Amino acid sequence: MKKSVFTRYFFPVLLVLIGAGCIVYGVTDGEAGAVLRKAISICMECIGIG
């Protein structure tokens, strides 16, 4: 039995769109800056500078 193109690609495309939407929401909400600040502070603690 051959699957239709819609059935074969619907869920992967849906998951990619949901993931892209979550990324866009996080960037517009300012979460990228918060994650960068936390990453910098963790790196400074591991290296021993801060």
Protein backbone atom coordinates (compact mmCIF):
# COMPACT_ATOMS: atom_id res chain seq x y z
CA MET A 1 0.00 0.00 0.00
CA LYS A 2 1.43 3.35 -1.06
CA LYS A 3 1.03 6.32 1.27
CA SER A 4 -0.09 9.63 -0.14
CA VAL A 5 2.23 12.62 -0.15
CA PHE A 6 0.01 14.36 2.40
CA THR A 7 0.16 11.46 4.84
CA ARG A 8 3.89 11.00 4.43
CA TYR A 9 4.94 14.64 4.96
CA PHE A 10 2.21 16.11 7.16
CA PHE A 11 3.63 15.33 10.61
CA PRO A 12 7.30 16.15 9.89
CA VAL A 13 6.33 19.47 8.33
CA LEU A 14 3.98 20.18 11.22
CA LEU A 15 6.75 19.52 13.76
CA VAL A 16 9.20 21.75 11.88
CA LEU A 17 6.65 24.57 11.79
CA ILE A 18 5.90 24.22 15.51
CA GLY A 19 9.62 24.24 16.30
CA ALA A 20 10.21 27.31 14.14
CA GLY A 21 7.30 29.04 15.84
CA CYS A 22 8.75 28.30 19.27
CA ILE A 23 12.14 29.66 18.21
CA VAL A 24 10.59 32.85 16.83
CA TYR A 25 8.54 33.30 20.01
CA GLY A 26 11.62 32.87 22.21
CA VAL A 27 13.70 35.32 20.19
CA THR A 28 10.98 37.98 20.16
CA ASP A 29 10.42 37.50 23.89
CA GLY A 30 14.09 38.28 24.67
CA GLU A 31 15.10 34.81 25.78
CA ALA A 32 18.17 34.76 23.53
CA GLY A 33 19.80 37.49 25.61
CA ALA A 34 18.99 35.74 28.87
CA VAL A 35 20.47 32.47 27.62
CA LEU A 36 23.61 34.27 26.41
CA ARG A 37 24.09 36.00 29.81
CA LYS A 38 23.71 32.67 31.64
CA ALA A 39 26.14 30.95 29.27
CA ILE A 40 28.74 33.68 29.77
CA SER A 41 28.47 33.49 33.55
CA ILE A 42 28.76 29.70 33.54
CA CYS A 43 31.83 29.84 31.30
CA MET A 44 33.46 32.47 33.50
CA GLU A 45 32.84 30.31 36.58
CA CYS A 46 34.28 27.20 34.91
CA ILE A 47 37.40 29.00 33.72
CA GLY A 48 37.81 30.69 37.10
CA ILE A 49 37.87 34.29 35.90
CA GLY A 50 34.66 35.39 37.61
